[in-house]
C-alpha atoms as a PDB file:
ATOM      1  CA  MET A   1       5.897  11.269 -25.532  1.00  0.00           C
ATOM      2  CA  ASN A   2       6.288  14.969 -26.278  1.00  0.00           C
ATOM      3  CA  ARG A   3       3.849  16.829 -28.474  1.00  0.00           C
ATOM      4  CA  ASN A   4       4.099  20.203 -30.113  1.00  0.00           C
ATOM      5  CA  ILE A   5       1.436  22.851 -29.760  1.00  0.00           C
ATOM      6  CA  ASP A   6      -0.113  23.374 -33.189  1.00  0.00           C
ATOM      7  CA  LYS A   7      -2.342  26.324 -32.399  1.00  0.00           C
ATOM      8  CA  ILE A   8      -3.412  28.543 -29.520  1.00  0.00           C
ATOM      9  CA  LEU A   9      -7.027  29.657 -29.668  1.00  0.00           C
ATOM     10  CA  GLN A  10      -8.216  32.895 -28.073  1.00  0.00           C
ATOM     11  CA  SER A  11     -11.666  32.822 -26.487  1.00  0.00           C
ATOM     12  CA  ARG A  12     -14.280  35.186 -27.901  1.00  0.00           C
ATOM     13  CA  PRO A  13     -17.037  37.015 -26.041  1.00  0.00           C
ATOM     14  CA  THR A  14     -20.396  35.510 -27.007  1.00  0.00           C
ATOM     15  CA  ILE A  15     -24.004  35.900 -25.888  1.00  0.00           C
ATOM     16  CA  GLU A  16     -26.140  32.729 -25.718  1.00  0.00           C
ATOM     17  CA  GLY A  17     -29.476  31.645 -24.315  1.00  0.00           C
ATOM     18  CA  ALA A  18     -31.627  34.555 -23.149  1.00  0.00           C
ATOM     19  CA  GLY A  19     -28.621  36.875 -22.911  1.00  0.00           C
ATOM     20  CA  VAL A  20     -25.901  35.037 -20.995  1.00  0.00           C
ATOM     21  CA  HIS A  21     -22.474  36.612 -21.499  1.00  0.00           C
ATOM     22  CA  LEU A  22     -19.758  33.991 -21.858  1.00  0.00           C
ATOM     23  CA  LYS A  23     -16.440  33.350 -23.528  1.00  0.00           C
ATOM     24  CA  ARG A  24     -16.299  30.702 -26.243  1.00  0.00           C
ATOM     25  CA  ALA A  25     -12.916  28.962 -26.121  1.00  0.00           C
ATOM     26  CA  PHE A  26     -13.727  27.198 -29.382  1.00  0.00           C
ATOM     27  CA  GLY A  27     -16.866  26.737 -31.405  1.00  0.00           C
ATOM     28  CA  PHE A  28     -18.357  25.799 -34.687  1.00  0.00           C
ATOM     29  CA  SER A  29     -15.620  27.050 -37.028  1.00  0.00           C
ATOM     30  CA  GLU A  30     -12.919  25.148 -35.088  1.00  0.00           C
ATOM     31  CA  ALA A  31     -14.985  21.972 -34.610  1.00  0.00           C
ATOM     32  CA  PRO A  32     -13.628  20.064 -37.627  1.00  0.00           C
ATOM     33  CA  GLN A  33     -10.123  20.320 -36.125  1.00  0.00           C
ATOM     34  CA  LEU A  34     -11.268  19.130 -32.677  1.00  0.00           C
ATOM     35  CA  ASP A  35     -13.720  16.327 -33.469  1.00  0.00           C
ATOM     36  CA  PRO A  36     -15.622  15.015 -31.521  1.00  0.00           C
ATOM     37  CA  PHE A  37     -15.687  18.281 -29.530  1.00  0.00           C
ATOM     38  CA  LEU A  38     -18.058  20.918 -30.862  1.00  0.00           C
ATOM     39  CA  LEU A  39     -17.610  23.830 -28.498  1.00  0.00           C
ATOM     40  CA  LEU A  40     -16.297  24.875 -25.120  1.00  0.00           C
ATOM     41  CA  ASP A  41     -17.883  27.780 -23.249  1.00  0.00           C
ATOM     42  CA  ASP A  42     -16.502  29.485 -20.158  1.00  0.00           C
ATOM     43  CA  PHE A  43     -19.271  31.291 -18.289  1.00  0.00           C
ATOM     44  CA  ARG A  44     -18.290  33.323 -15.263  1.00  0.00           C
ATOM     45  CA  SER A  45     -19.254  36.701 -13.933  1.00  0.00           C
ATOM     46  CA  HIS A  46     -19.620  38.717 -10.779  1.00  0.00           C
ATOM     47  CA  ASP A  47     -22.530  40.651 -12.326  1.00  0.00           C
ATOM     48  CA  PRO A  48     -25.882  38.795 -12.200  1.00  0.00           C
ATOM     49  CA  GLU A  49     -27.087  40.794 -15.232  1.00  0.00           C
ATOM     50  CA  ASP A  50     -24.558  38.800 -17.292  1.00  0.00           C
ATOM     51  CA  TYR A  51     -26.185  35.425 -16.543  1.00  0.00           C
ATOM     52  CA  ILE A  52     -29.503  35.632 -14.656  1.00  0.00           C
ATOM     53  CA  ALA A  53     -31.662  35.284 -17.829  1.00  0.00           C
ATOM     54  CA  GLY A  54     -30.129  31.833 -18.281  1.00  0.00           C
ATOM     55  CA  PHE A  55     -30.917  29.300 -20.952  1.00  0.00           C
ATOM     56  CA  PRO A  56     -34.719  28.846 -21.012  1.00  0.00           C
ATOM     57  CA  TRP A  57     -36.331  25.777 -22.608  1.00  0.00           C
ATOM     58  CA  HIS A  58     -34.528  24.782 -25.814  1.00  0.00           C
ATOM     59  CA  PRO A  59     -33.900  21.555 -27.785  1.00  0.00           C
ATOM     60  CA  HIS A  60     -30.768  19.481 -28.405  1.00  0.00           C
ATOM     61  CA  ARG A  61     -30.221  16.382 -30.503  1.00  0.00           C
ATOM     62  CA  GLY A  62     -27.247  14.188 -31.398  1.00  0.00           C
ATOM     63  CA  ILE A  63     -24.847  15.654 -28.820  1.00  0.00           C
ATOM     64  CA  GLU A  64     -23.781  15.432 -25.196  1.00  0.00           C
ATOM     65  CA  THR A  65     -23.161  18.392 -22.927  1.00  0.00           C
ATOM     66  CA  VAL A  66     -20.866  18.248 -19.913  1.00  0.00           C
ATOM     67  CA  THR A  67     -21.180  21.136 -17.450  1.00  0.00           C
ATOM     68  CA  TYR A  68     -18.797  21.730 -14.541  1.00  0.00           C
ATOM     69  CA  MET A  69     -19.506  24.393 -11.936  1.00  0.00           C
ATOM     70  CA  LEU A  70     -16.815  26.502 -10.262  1.00  0.00           C
ATOM     71  CA  GLU A  71     -19.026  29.075  -8.483  1.00  0.00           C
ATOM     72  CA  GLY A  72     -22.762  29.471  -8.027  1.00  0.00           C
ATOM     73  CA  THR A  73     -25.321  26.908  -9.158  1.00  0.00           C
ATOM     74  CA  VAL A  74     -27.255  25.846 -12.250  1.00  0.00           C
ATOM     75  CA  GLU A  75     -30.810  24.516 -12.012  1.00  0.00           C
ATOM     76  CA  HIS A  76     -31.651  21.977 -14.721  1.00  0.00           C
ATOM     77  CA  GLY A  77     -34.997  20.644 -15.935  1.00  0.00           C
ATOM     78  CA  ASP A  78     -35.788  18.565 -19.008  1.00  0.00           C
ATOM     79  CA  SER A  79     -38.584  16.965 -21.015  1.00  0.00           C
ATOM     80  CA  MET A  80     -37.844  13.552 -19.444  1.00  0.00           C
ATOM     81  CA  GLY A  81     -38.774  14.886 -15.995  1.00  0.00           C
ATOM     82  CA  ASN A  82     -35.222  15.215 -14.681  1.00  0.00           C
ATOM     83  CA  LYS A  83     -34.628  18.116 -12.323  1.00  0.00           C
ATOM     84  CA  GLY A  84     -31.550  19.006 -10.386  1.00  0.00           C
ATOM     85  CA  VAL A  85     -29.068  21.567  -9.192  1.00  0.00           C
ATOM     86  CA  ILE A  86     -25.328  21.391  -9.731  1.00  0.00           C
ATOM     87  CA  ARG A  87     -23.076  23.246  -7.311  1.00  0.00           C
ATOM     88  CA  PRO A  88     -19.378  24.179  -7.293  1.00  0.00           C
ATOM     89  CA  GLY A  89     -17.232  21.122  -7.992  1.00  0.00           C
ATOM     90  CA  GLU A  90     -20.144  19.158  -9.465  1.00  0.00           C
ATOM     91  CA  VAL A  91     -20.819  17.920 -12.997  1.00  0.00           C
ATOM     92  CA  GLN A  92     -23.933  17.560 -15.137  1.00  0.00           C
ATOM     93  CA  TRP A  93     -23.810  15.138 -18.064  1.00  0.00           C
ATOM     94  CA  MET A  94     -26.696  15.254 -20.530  1.00  0.00           C
ATOM     95  CA  THR A  95     -26.931  12.992 -23.564  1.00  0.00           C
ATOM     96  CA  ALA A  96     -29.464  14.519 -25.936  1.00  0.00           C
ATOM     97  CA  GLY A  97     -29.445  11.521 -28.298  1.00  0.00           C
ATOM     98  CA  SER A  98     -32.691  11.391 -30.304  1.00  0.00           C
ATOM     99  CA  GLY A  99     -33.823  14.673 -28.783  1.00  0.00           C
ATOM    100  CA  ILE A 100     -34.446  16.442 -25.514  1.00  0.00           C
ATOM    101  CA  ILE A 101     -35.818  19.804 -24.467  1.00  0.00           C
ATOM    102  CA  HIS A 102     -34.224  21.308 -21.386  1.00  0.00           C
ATOM    103  CA  GLN A 103     -33.426  24.483 -19.525  1.00  0.00           C
ATOM    104  CA  GLU A 104     -30.396  25.576 -17.516  1.00  0.00           C
ATOM    105  CA  MET A 105     -30.868  28.493 -15.167  1.00  0.00           C
ATOM    106  CA  PRO A 106     -27.703  29.824 -13.486  1.00  0.00           C
ATOM    107  CA  LYS A 107     -27.869  31.315  -9.996  1.00  0.00           C
ATOM    108  CA  GLY A 108     -25.030  33.180  -8.388  1.00  0.00           C
ATOM    109  CA  ILE A 109     -23.797  32.927  -4.843  1.00  0.00           C
ATOM    110  CA  ASN A 110     -23.269  36.463  -3.570  1.00  0.00           C
ATOM    111  CA  GLY A 111     -23.449  37.511  -7.233  1.00  0.00           C
ATOM    112  CA  HIS A 112     -20.658  35.164  -8.312  1.00  0.00           C
ATOM    113  CA  MET A 113     -21.289  32.473 -10.908  1.00  0.00           C
ATOM    114  CA  GLY A 114     -18.927  30.469 -13.072  1.00  0.00           C
ATOM    115  CA  GLY A 115     -18.287  27.217 -14.821  1.00  0.00           C
ATOM    116  CA  PHE A 116     -17.738  25.725 -18.212  1.00  0.00           C
ATOM    117  CA  GLN A 117     -19.631  23.566 -20.667  1.00  0.00           C
ATOM    118  CA  LEU A 118     -18.228  21.194 -23.283  1.00  0.00           C
ATOM    119  CA  TRP A 119     -20.353  19.969 -26.200  1.00  0.00           C
ATOM    120  CA  VAL A 120     -19.439  16.539 -27.558  1.00  0.00           C
ATOM    121  CA  ASN A 121     -20.686  15.252 -30.911  1.00  0.00           C
ATOM    122  CA  LEU A 122     -22.119  11.741 -30.595  1.00  0.00           C
ATOM    123  CA  PRO A 123     -20.927   9.139 -33.124  1.00  0.00           C
ATOM    124  CA  SER A 124     -23.427   8.542 -35.924  1.00  0.00           C
ATOM    125  CA  THR A 125     -24.359   5.165 -34.397  1.00  0.00           C
ATOM    126  CA  HIS A 126     -25.467   6.899 -31.156  1.00  0.00           C
ATOM    127  CA  LYS A 127     -27.166  10.043 -32.464  1.00  0.00           C
ATOM    128  CA  MET A 128     -30.643   8.535 -32.110  1.00  0.00           C
ATOM    129  CA  MET A 129     -30.096   6.806 -28.752  1.00  0.00           C
ATOM    130  CA  GLU A 130     -32.459   7.440 -25.860  1.00  0.00           C
ATOM    131  CA  PRO A 131     -31.704  10.711 -24.056  1.00  0.00           C
ATOM    132  CA  ARG A 132     -30.249  10.465 -20.559  1.00  0.00           C
ATOM    133  CA  TYR A 133     -29.183  12.736 -17.746  1.00  0.00           C
ATOM    134  CA  ARG A 134     -26.732  12.388 -14.893  1.00  0.00           C
ATOM    135  CA  GLU A 135     -25.465  14.628 -12.125  1.00  0.00           C
ATOM    136  CA  VAL A 136     -22.184  13.795 -10.442  1.00  0.00           C
ATOM    137  CA  LYS A 137     -22.190  15.263  -6.937  1.00  0.00           C
ATOM    138  CA  ASN A 138     -19.168  16.322  -4.885  1.00  0.00           C
ATOM    139  CA  GLU A 139     -19.259  13.225  -2.693  1.00  0.00           C
ATOM    140  CA  GLN A 140     -19.050  11.016  -5.822  1.00  0.00           C
ATOM    141  CA  ILE A 141     -15.887  12.721  -7.103  1.00  0.00           C
ATOM    142  CA  PRO A 142     -12.683  11.532  -5.446  1.00  0.00           C
ATOM    143  CA  GLU A 143     -10.260  14.154  -4.217  1.00  0.00           C
ATOM    144  CA  VAL A 144      -6.566  13.510  -4.653  1.00  0.00           C
ATOM    145  CA  LEU A 145      -4.053  15.464  -2.594  1.00  0.00           C
ATOM    146  CA  THR A 146      -0.422  15.711  -3.654  1.00  0.00           C
ATOM    147  CA  ASP A 147       2.662  17.226  -2.090  1.00  0.00           C
ATOM    148  CA  LYS A 148       3.155  19.556  -5.050  1.00  0.00           C
END
């Protein structure tokens, strides 16, 4: 089945957290067109000043965040006692549900850091579910090689 492209969105420079410079591929004004997706952020830099302040403790509720790392690492901690580090090629999946407080602190490798984060709106029937957290490590993600 072929589909036509309806719209091409340009990312916009944005500052979030305690001063992290990122590019927002889409956000709140586009969300009604992309439901259930709320926003997509691309965070990458070769200058630690762009990301080292990170995302100190802050709340979320009624959403899920999916973070995928390309370069560097992100240290996570939350109010449920979860702690972890995601590295290049790894994924962090956090369901805020009825509410969670967490922090994400990016660390570069040789100054390089990059990844992206997708926010997903939970259906109304799941907005008050228990929060949960999951890291998917490299060894848990299958690698498929093709000839192309």
